Amino acid sequence: MHTISPQAGGDRRRRRLHSDEFKANAVALVAKPGVSMASVAMSLGINANLLRRWVHDAEAPPSRPAEGKAPKALPGVKSESPSFVALQLPAPVAPVSDIRMEVKRGSTTVVVSWPAALAAECGTWLRELLR
């Protein structure tokens, strides 16, 4: 006895096909600063993993084509990697030389200055003091 009912041919989900222009547009949207891949995928109605694969394929260097086949490239998307990109780095932050704290107990206030290199020992001392 069969418990699974036969499915009609029209009820099955079919794989959607997307044009190269659609893929290139999706990859270009992801390349904009501050845009997440998930938000672009949701706005286009596609799975984020599919979009991630399109971006990966667009960024990948062209591989050797199989015998008699040309590599598939997305139109409008460069697959060349840049040779050098100059970035402006923020000014270096001066390292903290001392840990400074004020400990109040009742009417007494103690100001302690501790070397930052010995922060673990400072924590131990403070725990013992506050017992």
Protein backbone atom coordinates (compact mmCIF):
# COMPACT_ATOMS: atom_id res chain seq x y z
CA MET A 1 0.00 0.00 0.00
CA HIS A 2 1.36 3.40 -1.00
CA THR A 3 1.03 6.23 1.53
CA ILE A 4 2.47 8.96 -0.69
CA SER A 5 0.07 10.42 -3.19
CA PRO A 6 1.38 10.89 -6.73
CA GLN A 7 2.21 14.51 -7.59
CA ALA A 8 1.00 16.13 -10.72
CA GLY A 9 3.71 17.48 -13.03
CA GLY A 10 2.54 21.10 -12.62
CA ASP A 11 2.88 21.16 -8.82
CA ARG A 12 6.65 20.77 -8.77
CA ARG A 13 8.82 23.80 -8.13
CA ARG A 14 11.07 24.69 -11.00
CA ARG A 15 14.49 26.21 -10.77
CA ARG A 16 14.38 29.88 -11.68
CA LEU A 17 16.80 31.13 -14.29
CA HIS A 18 18.31 34.58 -13.95
CA SER A 19 19.78 36.59 -16.79
CA ASP A 20 23.40 37.67 -16.80
CA GLU A 21 22.27 41.29 -16.52
CA PHE A 22 20.25 40.48 -13.38
CA LYS A 23 23.27 38.74 -11.84
CA ALA A 24 25.61 41.63 -12.72
CA ASN A 25 23.15 44.14 -11.24
CA ALA A 26 22.90 42.09 -8.02
CA VAL A 27 26.71 41.85 -7.73
CA ALA A 28 27.01 45.61 -8.33
CA LEU A 29 24.46 46.33 -5.58
CA VAL A 30 26.49 44.26 -3.09
CA ALA A 31 29.67 46.16 -4.01
CA LYS A 32 28.26 49.44 -2.66
CA PRO A 33 29.66 50.41 0.77
CA GLY A 34 27.40 49.79 3.75
CA VAL A 35 25.11 47.35 1.92
CA SER A 36 24.74 43.83 3.28
CA MET A 37 24.51 40.80 1.06
CA ALA A 38 21.45 39.56 2.94
CA SER A 39 19.52 42.80 2.42
CA VAL A 40 20.27 42.83 -1.31
CA ALA A 41 19.24 39.18 -1.62
CA MET A 42 15.97 39.82 0.24
CA SER A 43 15.16 42.87 -1.88
CA LEU A 44 15.72 40.86 -5.07
CA GLY A 45 13.79 37.83 -3.80
CA ILE A 46 16.72 35.42 -4.03
CA ASN A 47 18.63 33.31 -1.53
CA ALA A 48 21.68 34.98 0.04
CA ASN A 49 23.79 31.88 -0.68
CA LEU A 50 22.98 32.17 -4.38
CA LEU A 51 24.01 35.84 -4.36
CA ARG A 52 27.18 34.94 -2.46
CA ARG A 53 28.03 32.41 -5.20
CA TRP A 54 27.47 35.04 -7.92
CA VAL A 55 29.80 37.46 -6.12
CA HIS A 56 32.40 34.73 -5.68
CA ASP A 57 32.15 33.78 -9.36
CA ALA A 58 32.47 37.43 -10.39
CA GLU A 59 35.57 37.95 -8.23
CA ALA A 60 37.27 34.65 -9.11
CA PRO A 61 40.03 34.77 -11.71
CA PRO A 62 39.03 33.12 -14.95
CA SER A 63 39.96 29.46 -14.92
CA ARG A 64 41.08 27.48 -17.91
CA PRO A 65 38.01 26.61 -19.91
CA ALA A 66 37.10 22.99 -20.41
CA GLU A 67 37.67 21.47 -23.80
CA GLY A 68 35.52 23.40 -26.28
CA LYS A 69 33.83 25.63 -23.66
CA ALA A 70 34.40 29.31 -23.03
CA PRO A 71 34.37 30.62 -19.42
CA LYS A 72 31.13 32.31 -18.39
CA ALA A 73 31.61 35.87 -17.19
CA LEU A 74 29.04 38.30 -15.86
CA PRO A 75 28.70 41.39 -18.05
CA GLY A 76 29.76 44.64 -16.46
CA VAL A 77 31.72 42.95 -13.65
CA LYS A 78 35.50 43.04 -13.71
CA SER A 79 37.16 39.84 -12.60
CA GLU A 80 40.65 41.32 -12.51
CA SER A 81 42.14 41.83 -9.08
CA PRO A 82 43.59 45.26 -8.34
CA SER A 83 47.36 45.39 -8.03
CA PHE A 84 47.49 47.91 -5.18
CA VAL A 85 44.93 49.93 -3.26
CA ALA A 86 46.18 52.79 -1.09
CA LEU A 87 44.30 53.26 2.18
CA GLN A 88 44.40 56.18 4.58
CA LEU A 89 45.08 54.77 8.06
CA PRO A 90 44.03 56.56 11.22
CA ALA A 91 46.70 58.17 13.39
CA PRO A 92 48.21 55.72 15.88
CA VAL A 93 46.78 55.88 19.37
CA ALA A 94 49.27 56.45 22.18
CA PRO A 95 49.45 53.41 24.46
CA VAL A 96 47.98 53.74 27.93
CA SER A 97 50.87 54.05 30.35
CA ASP A 98 49.04 53.95 33.69
CA ILE A 99 45.78 52.75 35.19
CA ARG A 100 44.37 55.50 37.38
CA MET A 101 41.50 54.89 39.79
CA GLU A 102 39.86 56.49 42.80
CA VAL A 103 38.70 54.12 45.53
CA LYS A 104 36.25 55.50 48.08
CA ARG A 105 35.54 53.74 51.34
CA GLY A 106 33.44 55.73 53.74
CA SER A 107 34.92 59.20 54.05
CA THR A 108 38.34 58.09 52.77
CA THR A 109 39.36 58.41 49.11
CA VAL A 110 42.50 56.76 47.79
CA VAL A 111 43.88 57.60 44.33
CA VAL A 112 45.95 54.79 42.84
CA SER A 113 48.13 54.92 39.74
CA TRP A 114 49.19 51.49 38.47
CA PRO A 115 51.38 50.56 35.44
CA ALA A 116 49.16 49.31 32.58
CA ALA A 117 51.63 46.52 31.87
CA LEU A 118 50.70 45.01 35.26
CA ALA A 119 46.90 45.18 34.78
CA ALA A 120 46.34 41.61 36.03
CA GLU A 121 48.11 42.37 39.30
CA CYS A 122 46.06 45.57 39.62
CA GLY A 123 42.87 43.52 39.33
CA THR A 124 44.05 41.11 42.00
CA TRP A 125 44.96 43.96 44.33
CA LEU A 126 41.62 45.67 43.77
CA ARG A 127 39.67 42.43 44.47
CA GLU A 128 41.56 41.99 47.75
CA LEU A 129 40.96 45.62 48.70
CA LEU A 130 37.22 45.44 48.08
CA ARG A 131 36.67 42.26 50.14
